Amino acid sequence: MKRDWDVIRSVLEEIEGLGEQNFQAAQYSVHRGMAVDGETRVRHILLLRDAGYIKGVKADTLEGAGIISPELTMKGHDLLDTLRSATVWERTKKIAKEKGVELTFDTVKALAKVAFDQVMA
């Protein structure tokens, strides 16, 4: 699976929006027969969990991996704040493409600052 920053942005927004009642009942897991786009979203959630951007109850089974009651960590909130503005996010991707750099967590943060400064100028 290739990391997809648009999926990461969407997942972070979704988890932030769960609210107190829904977060406790939320469960994301990979399982056989799952649609490809659903599996991609869950795999990105698991990447974010493993990187410390999301916390929750680890629900790995023989069937697949998962997370129950996901919440954003402070790092997750910071990353989402970096990605939240559609204008800044699109400019960040454009700058990365123009400069020929891959989007990693560090480059996203650095380029988002440059993009923000350009939007605000």
PDB file of N, CA and C in Angstrom:
ATOM      1  N   MET A   1       0.851  -1.185   0.000  1.00  0.00           N
ATOM      2  CA  MET A   1       0.000   0.000   0.000  1.00  0.00           C
ATOM      3  C   MET A   1       0.886   1.234   0.000  1.00  0.00           C
ATOM      4  N   LYS A   2       0.534   2.188  -0.795  1.00  0.00           N
ATOM      5  CA  LYS A   2       1.243   3.460  -0.839  1.00  0.00           C
ATOM      6  C   LYS A   2       0.547   4.436   0.109  1.00  0.00           C
ATOM      7  N   ARG A   3       1.351   5.159   0.873  1.00  0.00           N
ATOM      8  CA  ARG A   3       0.791   6.146   1.794  1.00  0.00           C
ATOM      9  C   ARG A   3       0.119   7.255   0.984  1.00  0.00           C
ATOM     10  N   ASP A   4      -1.100   7.608   1.375  1.00  0.00           N
ATOM     11  CA  ASP A   4      -1.894   8.614   0.673  1.00  0.00           C
ATOM     12  C   ASP A   4      -2.252   9.717   1.662  1.00  0.00           C
ATOM     13  N   TRP A   5      -1.671  10.891   1.465  1.00  0.00           N
ATOM     14  CA  TRP A   5      -1.862  11.990   2.406  1.00  0.00           C
ATOM     15  C   TRP A   5      -3.288  12.521   2.414  1.00  0.00           C
ATOM     16  N   ASP A   6      -3.993  12.411   1.306  1.00  0.00           N
ATOM     17  CA  ASP A   6      -5.394  12.837   1.305  1.00  0.00           C
ATOM     18  C   ASP A   6      -6.234  11.911   2.187  1.00  0.00           C
ATOM     19  N   VAL A   7      -5.925  10.620   2.169  1.00  0.00           N
ATOM     20  CA  VAL A   7      -6.612   9.667   3.049  1.00  0.00           C
ATOM     21  C   VAL A   7      -6.250   9.965   4.504  1.00  0.00           C
ATOM     22  N   ILE A   8      -4.990  10.237   4.766  1.00  0.00           N
ATOM     23  CA  ILE A   8      -4.558  10.560   6.138  1.00  0.00           C
ATOM     24  C   ILE A   8      -5.311  11.778   6.647  1.00  0.00           C
ATOM     25  N   ARG A   9      -5.398  12.804   5.830  1.00  0.00           N
ATOM     26  CA  ARG A   9      -6.115  14.027   6.219  1.00  0.00           C
ATOM     27  C   ARG A   9      -7.580  13.713   6.526  1.00  0.00           C
ATOM     28  N   SER A  10      -8.206  12.938   5.660  1.00  0.00           N
ATOM     29  CA  SER A  10      -9.606  12.573   5.826  1.00  0.00           C
ATOM     30  C   SER A  10      -9.831  11.749   7.098  1.00  0.00           C
ATOM     31  N   VAL A  11      -8.941  10.802   7.356  1.00  0.00           N
ATOM     32  CA  VAL A  11      -9.043   9.939   8.534  1.00  0.00           C
ATOM     33  C   VAL A  11      -8.914  10.764   9.823  1.00  0.00           C
ATOM     34  N   LEU A  12      -7.941  11.668   9.844  1.00  0.00           N
ATOM     35  CA  LEU A  12      -7.764  12.512  11.032  1.00  0.00           C
ATOM     36  C   LEU A  12      -9.006  13.359  11.292  1.00  0.00           C
ATOM     37  N   GLU A  13      -9.576  13.928  10.230  1.00  0.00           N
ATOM     38  CA  GLU A  13     -10.802  14.721  10.385  1.00  0.00           C
ATOM     39  C   GLU A  13     -11.958  13.864  10.891  1.00  0.00           C
ATOM     40  N   GLU A  14     -12.067  12.659  10.356  1.00  0.00           N
ATOM     41  CA  GLU A  14     -13.147  11.750  10.766  1.00  0.00           C
ATOM     42  C   GLU A  14     -13.030  11.398  12.245  1.00  0.00           C
ATOM     43  N   ILE A  15     -11.841  11.048  12.682  1.00  0.00           N
ATOM     44  CA  ILE A  15     -11.649  10.650  14.082  1.00  0.00           C
ATOM     45  C   ILE A  15     -11.856  11.836  15.007  1.00  0.00           C
ATOM     46  N   GLU A  16     -11.397  13.019  14.613  1.00  0.00           N
ATOM     47  CA  GLU A  16     -11.629  14.208  15.429  1.00  0.00           C
ATOM     48  C   GLU A  16     -13.124  14.467  15.599  1.00  0.00           C
ATOM     49  N   GLY A  17     -13.886  14.203  14.545  1.00  0.00           N
ATOM     50  CA  GLY A  17     -15.314  14.492  14.561  1.00  0.00           C
ATOM     51  C   GLY A  17     -16.192  13.444  15.227  1.00  0.00           C
ATOM     52  N   LEU A  18     -15.609  12.371  15.726  1.00  0.00           N
ATOM     53  CA  LEU A  18     -16.423  11.307  16.325  1.00  0.00           C
ATOM     54  C   LEU A  18     -17.207  11.767  17.541  1.00  0.00           C
ATOM     55  N   GLY A  19     -16.659  12.633  18.349  1.00  0.00           N
ATOM     56  CA  GLY A  19     -17.344  13.065  19.556  1.00  0.00           C
ATOM     57  C   GLY A  19     -17.275  12.008  20.641  1.00  0.00           C
ATOM     58  N   GLU A  20     -17.609  12.391  21.842  1.00  0.00           N
ATOM     59  CA  GLU A  20     -17.463  11.513  23.021  1.00  0.00           C
ATOM     60  C   GLU A  20     -18.274  10.224  22.904  1.00  0.00           C
ATOM     61  N   GLN A  21     -19.523  10.311  22.486  1.00  0.00           N
ATOM     62  CA  GLN A  21     -20.362   9.116  22.410  1.00  0.00           C
ATOM     63  C   GLN A  21     -19.917   8.176  21.285  1.00  0.00           C
ATOM     64  N   ASN A  22     -19.661   8.744  20.122  1.00  0.00           N
ATOM     65  CA  ASN A  22     -19.317   7.919  18.969  1.00  0.00           C
ATOM     66  C   ASN A  22     -17.909   7.331  19.047  1.00  0.00           C
ATOM     67  N   PHE A  23     -16.975   8.041  19.673  1.00  0.00           N
ATOM     68  CA  PHE A  23     -15.606   7.537  19.716  1.00  0.00           C
ATOM     69  C   PHE A  23     -15.534   6.233  20.495  1.00  0.00           C
ATOM     70  N   GLN A  24     -16.335   6.107  21.547  1.00  0.00           N
ATOM     71  CA  GLN A  24     -16.292   4.894  22.369  1.00  0.00           C
ATOM     72  C   GLN A  24     -16.818   3.680  21.611  1.00  0.00           C
ATOM     73  N   ALA A  25     -17.708   3.900  20.665  1.00  0.00           N
ATOM     74  CA  ALA A  25     -18.281   2.790  19.901  1.00  0.00           C
ATOM     75  C   ALA A  25     -17.559   2.560  18.573  1.00  0.00           C
ATOM     76  N   ALA A  26     -16.667   3.476  18.216  1.00  0.00           N
ATOM     77  CA  ALA A  26     -16.001   3.378  16.907  1.00  0.00           C
ATOM     78  C   ALA A  26     -15.019   2.218  16.886  1.00  0.00           C
ATOM     79  N   GLN A  27     -15.009   1.528  15.779  1.00  0.00           N
ATOM     80  CA  GLN A  27     -14.088   0.398  15.599  1.00  0.00           C
ATOM     81  C   GLN A  27     -13.686   0.339  14.139  1.00  0.00           C
ATOM     82  N   TYR A  28     -12.397   0.246  13.918  1.00  0.00           N
ATOM     83  CA  TYR A  28     -11.861   0.127  12.572  1.00  0.00           C
ATOM     84  C   TYR A  28     -11.003  -1.121  12.527  1.00  0.00           C
ATOM     85  N   SER A  29     -11.263  -1.988  11.562  1.00  0.00           N
ATOM     86  CA  SER A  29     -10.448  -3.191  11.447  1.00  0.00           C
ATOM     87  C   SER A  29     -10.408  -3.667  10.007  1.00  0.00           C
ATOM     88  N   VAL A  30      -9.300  -4.321   9.679  1.00  0.00           N
ATOM     89  CA  VAL A  30      -9.124  -4.920   8.368  1.00  0.00           C
ATOM     90  C   VAL A  30      -9.601  -6.360   8.468  1.00  0.00           C
ATOM     91  N   HIS A  31     -10.396  -6.794   7.501  1.00  0.00           N
ATOM     92  CA  HIS A  31     -10.865  -8.178   7.509  1.00  0.00           C
ATOM     93  C   HIS A  31     -11.038  -8.673   6.081  1.00  0.00           C
ATOM     94  N   ARG A  32     -11.106  -9.961   5.933  1.00  0.00           N
ATOM     95  CA  ARG A  32     -11.277 -10.566   4.609  1.00  0.00           C
ATOM     96  C   ARG A  32     -12.571 -10.108   3.967  1.00  0.00           C
ATOM     97  N   GLY A  33     -12.513  -9.916   2.662  1.00  0.00           N
ATOM     98  CA  GLY A  33     -13.703  -9.520   1.922  1.00  0.00           C
ATOM     99  C   GLY A  33     -14.002  -8.032   1.994  1.00  0.00           C
ATOM    100  N   MET A  34     -13.155  -7.290   2.646  1.00  0.00           N
ATOM    101  CA  MET A  34     -13.373  -5.857   2.806  1.00  0.00           C
ATOM    102  C   MET A  34     -13.108  -5.148   1.475  1.00  0.00           C
ATOM    103  N   ALA A  35     -13.879  -4.097   1.187  1.00  0.00           N
ATOM    104  CA  ALA A  35     -13.657  -3.311  -0.025  1.00  0.00           C
ATOM    105  C   ALA A  35     -12.282  -2.652   0.037  1.00  0.00           C
ATOM    106  N   VAL A  36     -11.653  -2.493  -1.108  1.00  0.00           N
ATOM    107  CA  VAL A  36     -10.291  -1.963  -1.172  1.00  0.00           C
ATOM    108  C   VAL A  36     -10.188  -0.570  -0.564  1.00  0.00           C
ATOM    109  N   ASP A  37     -11.144   0.320  -0.857  1.00  0.00           N
ATOM    110  CA  ASP A  37     -11.056   1.669  -0.303  1.00  0.00           C
ATOM    111  C   ASP A  37     -11.230   1.665   1.214  1.00  0.00           C
ATOM    112  N   GLY A  38     -12.069   0.805   1.735  1.00  0.00           N
ATOM    113  CA  GLY A  38     -12.218   0.678   3.186  1.00  0.00           C
ATOM    114  C   GLY A  38     -10.962   0.128   3.828  1.00  0.00           C
ATOM    115  N   GLU A  39     -10.358  -0.848   3.191  1.00  0.00           N
ATOM    116  CA  GLU A  39      -9.119  -1.424   3.714  1.00  0.00           C
ATOM    117  C   GLU A  39      -8.007  -0.382   3.703  1.00  0.00           C
ATOM    118  N   THR A  40      -7.946   0.419   2.660  1.00  0.00           N
ATOM    119  CA  THR A  40      -6.930   1.478   2.572  1.00  0.00           C
ATOM    120  C   THR A  40      -7.077   2.462   3.723  1.00  0.00           C
ATOM    121  N   ARG A  41      -8.320   2.864   4.017  1.00  0.00           N
ATOM    122  CA  ARG A  41      -8.557   3.797   5.132  1.00  0.00           C
ATOM    123  C   ARG A  41      -8.113   3.185   6.456  1.00  0.00           C
ATOM    124  N   VAL A  42      -8.482   1.931   6.693  1.00  0.00           N
ATOM    125  CA  VAL A  42      -8.117   1.282   7.960  1.00  0.00           C
ATOM    126  C   VAL A  42      -6.606   1.122   8.051  1.00  0.00           C
ATOM    127  N   ARG A  43      -5.966   0.744   6.977  1.00  0.00           N
ATOM    128  CA  ARG A  43      -4.506   0.592   7.004  1.00  0.00           C
ATOM    129  C   ARG A  43      -3.821   1.924   7.306  1.00  0.00           C
ATOM    130  N   HIS A  44      -4.378   3.022   6.816  1.00  0.00           N
ATOM    131  CA  HIS A  44      -3.830   4.339   7.148  1.00  0.00           C
ATOM    132  C   HIS A  44      -4.076   4.673   8.623  1.00  0.00           C
ATOM    133  N   ILE A  45      -5.223   4.287   9.142  1.00  0.00           N
ATOM    134  CA  ILE A  45      -5.493   4.478  10.574  1.00  0.00           C
ATOM    135  C   ILE A  45      -4.462   3.712  11.399  1.00  0.00           C
ATOM    136  N   LEU A  46      -4.159   2.487  10.986  1.00  0.00           N
ATOM    137  CA  LEU A  46      -3.172   1.686  11.711  1.00  0.00           C
ATOM    138  C   LEU A  46      -1.777   2.297  11.606  1.00  0.00           C
ATOM    139  N   LEU A  47      -1.429   2.855  10.451  1.00  0.00           N
ATOM    140  CA  LEU A  47      -0.149   3.562  10.316  1.00  0.00           C
ATOM    141  C   LEU A  47      -0.091   4.744  11.276  1.00  0.00           C
ATOM    142  N   LEU A  48      -1.180   5.502  11.341  1.00  0.00           N
ATOM    143  CA  LEU A  48      -1.233   6.653  12.244  1.00  0.00           C
ATOM    144  C   LEU A  48      -1.157   6.214  13.703  1.00  0.00           C
ATOM    145  N   ARG A  49      -1.789   5.088  14.010  1.00  0.00           N
ATOM    146  CA  ARG A  49      -1.712   4.545  15.374  1.00  0.00           C
ATOM    147  C   ARG A  49      -0.274   4.165  15.712  1.00  0.00           C
ATOM    148  N   ASP A  50       0.365   3.448  14.813  1.00  0.00           N
ATOM    149  CA  ASP A  50       1.728   2.985  15.063  1.00  0.00           C
ATOM    150  C   ASP A  50       2.716   4.149  15.154  1.00  0.00           C
ATOM    151  N   ALA A  51       2.415   5.265  14.485  1.00  0.00           N
ATOM    152  CA  ALA A  51       3.287   6.440  14.508  1.00  0.00           C
ATOM    153  C   ALA A  51       2.977   7.372  15.677  1.00  0.00           C
ATOM    154  N   GLY A  52       1.932   7.050  16.463  1.00  0.00           N
ATOM    155  CA  GLY A  52       1.617   7.851  17.640  1.00  0.00           C
ATOM    156  C   GLY A  52       0.697   9.027  17.395  1.00  0.00           C
ATOM    157  N   TYR A  53       0.024   9.079  16.248  1.00  0.00           N
ATOM    158  CA  TYR A  53      -0.894  10.175  15.954  1.00  0.00           C
ATOM    159  C   TYR A  53      -2.321   9.860  16.398  1.00  0.00           C
ATOM    160  N   ILE A  54      -2.597   8.576  16.592  1.00  0.00           N
ATOM    161  CA  ILE A  54      -3.898   8.111  17.065  1.00  0.00           C
ATOM    162  C   ILE A  54      -3.646   7.115  18.187  1.00  0.00           C
ATOM    163  N   LYS A  55      -4.504   7.159  19.205  1.00  0.00           N
ATOM    164  CA  LYS A  55      -4.437   6.132  20.244  1.00  0.00           C
ATOM    165  C   LYS A  55      -5.788   5.452  20.324  1.00  0.00           C
ATOM    166  N   GLY A  56      -5.790   4.274  20.892  1.00  0.00           N
ATOM    167  CA  GLY A  56      -7.014   3.509  21.048  1.00  0.00           C
ATOM    168  C   GLY A  56      -6.662   2.109  21.477  1.00  0.00           C
ATOM    169  N   VAL A  57      -7.662   1.305  21.633  1.00  0.00           N
ATOM    170  CA  VAL A  57      -7.452  -0.082  22.046  1.00  0.00           C
ATOM    171  C   VAL A  57      -7.037  -0.878  20.819  1.00  0.00           C
ATOM    172  N   LYS A  58      -5.872  -1.481  20.899  1.00  0.00           N
ATOM    173  CA  LYS A  58      -5.368  -2.291  19.792  1.00  0.00           C
ATOM    174  C   LYS A  58      -6.217  -3.553  19.701  1.00  0.00           C
ATOM    175  N   ALA A  59      -6.719  -3.845  18.501  1.00  0.00           N
ATOM    176  CA  ALA A  59      -7.615  -4.986  18.317  1.00  0.00           C
ATOM    177  C   ALA A  59      -7.106  -5.871  17.191  1.00  0.00           C
ATOM    178  N   ASP A  60      -5.883  -6.348  17.332  1.00  0.00           N
ATOM    179  CA  ASP A  60      -5.301  -7.221  16.323  1.00  0.00           C
ATOM    180  C   ASP A  60      -5.721  -8.663  16.600  1.00  0.00           C
ATOM    181  N   THR A  61      -6.199  -9.340  15.545  1.00  0.00           N
ATOM    182  CA  THR A  61      -6.657 -10.715  15.668  1.00  0.00           C
ATOM    183  C   THR A  61      -6.045 -11.551  14.546  1.00  0.00           C
ATOM    184  N   LEU A  62      -6.366 -12.821  14.522  1.00  0.00           N
ATOM    185  CA  LEU A  62      -5.908 -13.668  13.430  1.00  0.00           C
ATOM    186  C   LEU A  62      -6.539 -13.233  12.106  1.00  0.00           C
ATOM    187  N   GLU A  63      -7.716 -12.659  12.175  1.00  0.00           N
ATOM    188  CA  GLU A  63      -8.433 -12.190  10.988  1.00  0.00           C
ATOM    189  C   GLU A  63      -7.792 -10.935  10.401  1.00  0.00           C
ATOM    190  N   GLY A  64      -7.256 -10.070  11.244  1.00  0.00           N
ATOM    191  CA  GLY A  64      -6.648  -8.827  10.773  1.00  0.00           C
ATOM    192  C   GLY A  64      -6.326  -7.908  11.929  1.00  0.00           C
ATOM    193  N   ALA A  65      -5.979  -6.682  11.589  1.00  0.00           N
ATOM    194  CA  ALA A  65      -5.597  -5.694  12.593  1.00  0.00           C
ATOM    195  C   ALA A  65      -6.694  -4.649  12.726  1.00  0.00           C
ATOM    196  N   GLY A  66      -6.744  -4.008  13.904  1.00  0.00           N
ATOM    197  CA  GLY A  66      -7.763  -2.997  14.109  1.00  0.00           C
ATOM    198  C   GLY A  66      -7.498  -2.130  15.310  1.00  0.00           C
ATOM    199  N   ILE A  67      -8.409  -1.196  15.520  1.00  0.00           N
ATOM    200  CA  ILE A  67      -8.350  -0.274  16.656  1.00  0.00           C
ATOM    201  C   ILE A  67      -9.783   0.037  17.085  1.00  0.00           C
ATOM    202  N   ILE A  68      -9.990   0.078  18.379  1.00  0.00           N
ATOM    203  CA  ILE A  68     -11.292   0.395  18.963  1.00  0.00           C
ATOM    204  C   ILE A  68     -11.154   1.704  19.740  1.00  0.00           C
ATOM    205  N   SER A  69     -12.180   2.527  19.709  1.00  0.00           N
ATOM    206  CA  SER A  69     -12.220   3.809  20.407  1.00  0.00           C
ATOM    207  C   SER A  69     -11.030   4.700  20.054  1.00  0.00           C
ATOM    208  N   PRO A  70     -10.848   4.985  18.758  1.00  0.00           N
ATOM    209  CA  PRO A  70      -9.701   5.812  18.370  1.00  0.00           C
ATOM    210  C   PRO A  70      -9.878   7.270  18.782  1.00  0.00           C
ATOM    211  N   GLU A  71      -8.766   7.867  19.184  1.00  0.00           N
ATOM    212  CA  GLU A  71      -8.714   9.284  19.519  1.00  0.00           C
ATOM    213  C   GLU A  71      -7.429   9.857  18.958  1.00  0.00           C
ATOM    214  N   LEU A  72      -7.448  11.145  18.647  1.00  0.00           N
ATOM    215  CA  LEU A  72      -6.220  11.794  18.231  1.00  0.00           C
ATOM    216  C   LEU A  72      -5.355  12.063  19.455  1.00  0.00           C
ATOM    217  N   THR A  73      -4.067  11.872  19.310  1.00  0.00           N
ATOM    218  CA  THR A  73      -3.126  12.284  20.343  1.00  0.00           C
ATOM    219  C   THR A  73      -2.819  13.762  20.106  1.00  0.00           C
ATOM    220  N   MET A  74      -1.993  14.355  20.960  1.00  0.00           N
ATOM    221  CA  MET A  74      -1.603  15.746  20.749  1.00  0.00           C
ATOM    222  C   MET A  74      -0.887  15.887  19.402  1.00  0.00           C
ATOM    223  N   LYS A  75      -0.025  14.918  19.075  1.00  0.00           N
ATOM    224  CA  LYS A  75       0.648  14.926  17.766  1.00  0.00           C
ATOM    225  C   LYS A  75      -0.369  14.835  16.636  1.00  0.00           C
ATOM    226  N   GLY A  76      -1.415  14.048  16.835  1.00  0.00           N
ATOM    227  CA  GLY A  76      -2.458  13.910  15.823  1.00  0.00           C
ATOM    228  C   GLY A  76      -3.210  15.209  15.605  1.00  0.00           C
ATOM    229  N   HIS A  77      -3.530  15.892  16.704  1.00  0.00           N
ATOM    230  CA  HIS A  77      -4.197  17.190  16.587  1.00  0.00           C
ATOM    231  C   HIS A  77      -3.300  18.189  15.870  1.00  0.00           C
ATOM    232  N   ASP A  78      -2.005  18.189  16.209  1.00  0.00           N
ATOM    233  CA  ASP A  78      -1.067  19.107  15.554  1.00  0.00           C
ATOM    234  C   ASP A  78      -0.975  18.824  14.062  1.00  0.00           C
ATOM    235  N   LEU A  79      -0.907  17.542  13.692  1.00  0.00           N
ATOM    236  CA  LEU A  79      -0.839  17.185  12.275  1.00  0.00           C
ATOM    237  C   LEU A  79      -2.116  17.605  11.560  1.00  0.00           C
ATOM    238  N   LEU A  80      -3.263  17.352  12.168  1.00  0.00           N
ATOM    239  CA  LEU A  80      -4.524  17.751  11.546  1.00  0.00           C
ATOM    240  C   LEU A  80      -4.596  19.262  11.395  1.00  0.00           C
ATOM    241  N   ASP A  81      -4.150  19.994  12.385  1.00  0.00           N
ATOM    242  CA  ASP A  81      -4.145  21.454  12.278  1.00  0.00           C
ATOM    243  C   ASP A  81      -3.269  21.909  11.112  1.00  0.00           C
ATOM    244  N   THR A  82      -2.187  21.175  10.862  1.00  0.00           N
ATOM    245  CA  THR A  82      -1.311  21.482   9.735  1.00  0.00           C
ATOM    246  C   THR A  82      -2.015  21.214   8.407  1.00  0.00           C
ATOM    247  N   LEU A  83      -2.836  20.172   8.352  1.00  0.00           N
ATOM    248  CA  LEU A  83      -3.476  19.741   7.108  1.00  0.00           C
ATOM    249  C   LEU A  83      -4.893  20.282   6.909  1.00  0.00           C
ATOM    250  N   ARG A  84      -5.469  20.896   7.919  1.00  0.00           N
ATOM    251  CA  ARG A  84      -6.903  21.212   7.909  1.00  0.00           C
ATOM    252  C   ARG A  84      -7.345  22.129   6.763  1.00  0.00           C
ATOM    253  N   SER A  85      -6.657  23.219   6.548  1.00  0.00           N
ATOM    254  CA  SER A  85      -7.069  24.175   5.526  1.00  0.00           C
ATOM    255  C   SER A  85      -6.870  23.579   4.132  1.00  0.00           C
ATOM    256  N   ALA A  86      -7.947  23.492   3.366  1.00  0.00           N
ATOM    257  CA  ALA A  86      -7.857  22.933   2.011  1.00  0.00           C
ATOM    258  C   ALA A  86      -6.917  23.773   1.147  1.00  0.00           C
ATOM    259  N   THR A  87      -6.953  25.092   1.316  1.00  0.00           N
ATOM    260  CA  THR A  87      -6.094  25.978   0.533  1.00  0.00           C
ATOM    261  C   THR A  87      -4.621  25.717   0.842  1.00  0.00           C
ATOM    262  N   VAL A  88      -4.285  25.650   2.120  1.00  0.00           N
ATOM    263  CA  VAL A  88      -2.898  25.403   2.530  1.00  0.00           C
ATOM    264  C   VAL A  88      -2.471  23.997   2.117  1.00  0.00           C
ATOM    265  N   TRP A  89      -3.364  23.017   2.248  1.00  0.00           N
ATOM    266  CA  TRP A  89      -3.031  21.640   1.904  1.00  0.00           C
ATOM    267  C   TRP A  89      -2.745  21.508   0.411  1.00  0.00           C
ATOM    268  N   GLU A  90      -3.590  22.091  -0.430  1.00  0.00           N
ATOM    269  CA  GLU A  90      -3.359  22.023  -1.869  1.00  0.00           C
ATOM    270  C   GLU A  90      -2.061  22.733  -2.252  1.00  0.00           C
ATOM    271  N   ARG A  91      -1.775  23.854  -1.621  1.00  0.00           N
ATOM    272  CA  ARG A  91      -0.530  24.577  -1.888  1.00  0.00           C
ATOM    273  C   ARG A  91       0.671  23.756  -1.418  1.00  0.00           C
ATOM    274  N   THR A  92       0.543  23.062  -0.291  1.00  0.00           N
ATOM    275  CA  THR A  92       1.619  22.206   0.221  1.00  0.00           C
ATOM    276  C   THR A  92       1.956  21.117  -0.795  1.00  0.00           C
ATOM    277  N   LYS A  93       0.937  20.460  -1.322  1.00  0.00           N
ATOM    278  CA  LYS A  93       1.162  19.401  -2.317  1.00  0.00           C
ATOM    279  C   LYS A  93       1.791  19.970  -3.588  1.00  0.00           C
ATOM    280  N   LYS A  94       1.367  21.159  -3.982  1.00  0.00           N
ATOM    281  CA  LYS A  94       1.906  21.794  -5.178  1.00  0.00           C
ATOM    282  C   LYS A  94       3.391  22.117  -4.996  1.00  0.00           C
ATOM    283  N   ILE A  95       3.756  22.669  -3.851  1.00  0.00           N
ATOM    284  CA  ILE A  95       5.157  23.005  -3.569  1.00  0.00           C
ATOM    285  C   ILE A  95       6.011  21.740  -3.588  1.00  0.00           C
ATOM    286  N   ALA A  96       5.523  20.680  -2.950  1.00  0.00           N
ATOM    287  CA  ALA A  96       6.275  19.416  -2.918  1.00  0.00           C
ATOM    288  C   ALA A  96       6.518  18.899  -4.328  1.00  0.00           C
ATOM    289  N   LYS A  97       5.495  18.965  -5.154  1.00  0.00           N
ATOM    290  CA  LYS A  97       5.625  18.485  -6.537  1.00  0.00           C
ATOM    291  C   LYS A  97       6.616  19.346  -7.312  1.00  0.00           C
ATOM    292  N   GLU A  98       6.516  20.673  -7.151  1.00  0.00           N
ATOM    293  CA  GLU A  98       7.428  21.585  -7.846  1.00  0.00           C
ATOM    294  C   GLU A  98       8.880  21.371  -7.428  1.00  0.00           C
ATOM    295  N   LYS A  99       9.085  21.107  -6.150  1.00  0.00           N
ATOM    296  CA  LYS A  99      10.445  20.929  -5.621  1.00  0.00           C
ATOM    297  C   LYS A  99      10.942  19.498  -5.790  1.00  0.00           C
ATOM    298  N   GLY A 100      10.056  18.597  -6.156  1.00  0.00           N
ATOM    299  CA  GLY A 100      10.443  17.209  -6.356  1.00  0.00           C
ATOM    300  C   GLY A 100      10.762  16.470  -5.073  1.00  0.00           C
ATOM    301  N   VAL A 101      10.052  16.821  -3.998  1.00  0.00           N
ATOM    302  CA  VAL A 101      10.280  16.136  -2.715  1.00  0.00           C
ATOM    303  C   VAL A 101       9.079  15.272  -2.360  1.00  0.00           C
ATOM    304  N   GLU A 102       9.376  14.182  -1.695  1.00  0.00           N
ATOM    305  CA  GLU A 102       8.318  13.281  -1.227  1.00  0.00           C
ATOM    306  C   GLU A 102       7.673  13.859   0.021  1.00  0.00           C
ATOM    307  N   LEU A 103       6.408  13.559   0.217  1.00  0.00           N
ATOM    308  CA  LEU A 103       5.706  14.014   1.409  1.00  0.00           C
ATOM    309  C   LEU A 103       5.911  13.005   2.542  1.00  0.00           C
ATOM    310  N   THR A 104       6.677  13.427   3.534  1.00  0.00           N
ATOM    311  CA  THR A 104       6.838  12.678   4.771  1.00  0.00           C
ATOM    312  C   THR A 104       6.203  13.527   5.865  1.00  0.00           C
ATOM    313  N   PHE A 105       6.125  13.016   7.064  1.00  0.00           N
ATOM    314  CA  PHE A 105       5.549  13.806   8.148  1.00  0.00           C
ATOM    315  C   PHE A 105       6.335  15.102   8.341  1.00  0.00           C
ATOM    316  N   ASP A 106       7.651  15.016   8.270  1.00  0.00           N
ATOM    317  CA  ASP A 106       8.478  16.207   8.472  1.00  0.00           C
ATOM    318  C   ASP A 106       8.344  17.203   7.327  1.00  0.00           C
ATOM    319  N   THR A 107       8.355  16.712   6.072  1.00  0.00           N
ATOM    320  CA  THR A 107       8.240  17.646   4.954  1.00  0.00           C
ATOM    321  C   THR A 107       6.843  18.259   4.881  1.00  0.00           C
ATOM    322  N   VAL A 108       5.821  17.512   5.252  1.00  0.00           N
ATOM    323  CA  VAL A 108       4.469  18.075   5.273  1.00  0.00           C
ATOM    324  C   VAL A 108       4.416  19.251   6.235  1.00  0.00           C
ATOM    325  N   LYS A 109       4.972  19.082   7.416  1.00  0.00           N
ATOM    326  CA  LYS A 109       4.961  20.171   8.400  1.00  0.00           C
ATOM    327  C   LYS A 109       5.746  21.372   7.900  1.00  0.00           C
ATOM    328  N   ALA A 110       6.924  21.131   7.334  1.00  0.00           N
ATOM    329  CA  ALA A 110       7.761  22.234   6.858  1.00  0.00           C
ATOM    330  C   ALA A 110       7.117  22.946   5.670  1.00  0.00           C
ATOM    331  N   LEU A 111       6.639  22.179   4.701  1.00  0.00           N
ATOM    332  CA  LEU A 111       6.040  22.784   3.516  1.00  0.00           C
ATOM    333  C   LEU A 111       4.710  23.457   3.815  1.00  0.00           C
ATOM    334  N   ALA A 112       3.970  22.932   4.777  1.00  0.00           N
ATOM    335  CA  ALA A 112       2.698  23.559   5.154  1.00  0.00           C
ATOM    336  C   ALA A 112       2.950  24.950   5.725  1.00  0.00           C
ATOM    337  N   LYS A 113       4.043  25.109   6.450  1.00  0.00           N
ATOM    338  CA  LYS A 113       4.390  26.443   6.973  1.00  0.00           C
ATOM    339  C   LYS A 113       4.682  27.397   5.823  1.00  0.00           C
ATOM    340  N   VAL A 114       5.450  26.942   4.833  1.00  0.00           N
ATOM    341  CA  VAL A 114       5.743  27.761   3.647  1.00  0.00           C
ATOM    342  C   VAL A 114       4.449  28.090   2.909  1.00  0.00           C
ATOM    343  N   ALA A 115       3.596  27.091   2.726  1.00  0.00           N
ATOM    344  CA  ALA A 115       2.322  27.298   2.035  1.00  0.00           C
ATOM    345  C   ALA A 115       1.447  28.286   2.790  1.00  0.00           C
ATOM    346  N   PHE A 116       1.401  28.154   4.113  1.00  0.00           N
ATOM    347  CA  PHE A 116       0.614  29.075   4.938  1.00  0.00           C
ATOM    348  C   PHE A 116       1.119  30.495   4.766  1.00  0.00           C
ATOM    349  N   ASP A 117       2.438  30.668   4.811  1.00  0.00           N
ATOM    350  CA  ASP A 117       3.015  31.997   4.642  1.00  0.00           C
ATOM    351  C   ASP A 117       2.658  32.584   3.279  1.00  0.00           C
ATOM    352  N   GLN A 118       2.648  31.745   2.227  1.00  0.00           N
ATOM    353  CA  GLN A 118       2.278  32.218   0.885  1.00  0.00           C
ATOM    354  C   GLN A 118       0.806  32.613   0.815  1.00  0.00           C
ATOM    355  N   VAL A 119      -0.046  31.835   1.459  1.00  0.00           N
ATOM    356  CA  VAL A 119      -1.479  32.148   1.454  1.00  0.00           C
ATOM    357  C   VAL A 119      -1.741  33.460   2.192  1.00  0.00           C
ATOM    358  N   MET A 120      -1.018  33.673   3.273  1.00  0.00           N
ATOM    359  CA  MET A 120      -1.228  34.861   4.103  1.00  0.00           C
ATOM    360  C   MET A 120      -0.588  36.125   3.526  1.00  0.00           C
ATOM    361  N   ALA A 121       0.327  35.959   2.562  1.00  0.00           N
ATOM    362  CA  ALA A 121       1.035  37.130   1.989  1.00  0.00           C
ATOM    363  C   ALA A 121       0.140  37.926   1.075  1.00  0.00           C
TER     364      ALA A 121
END
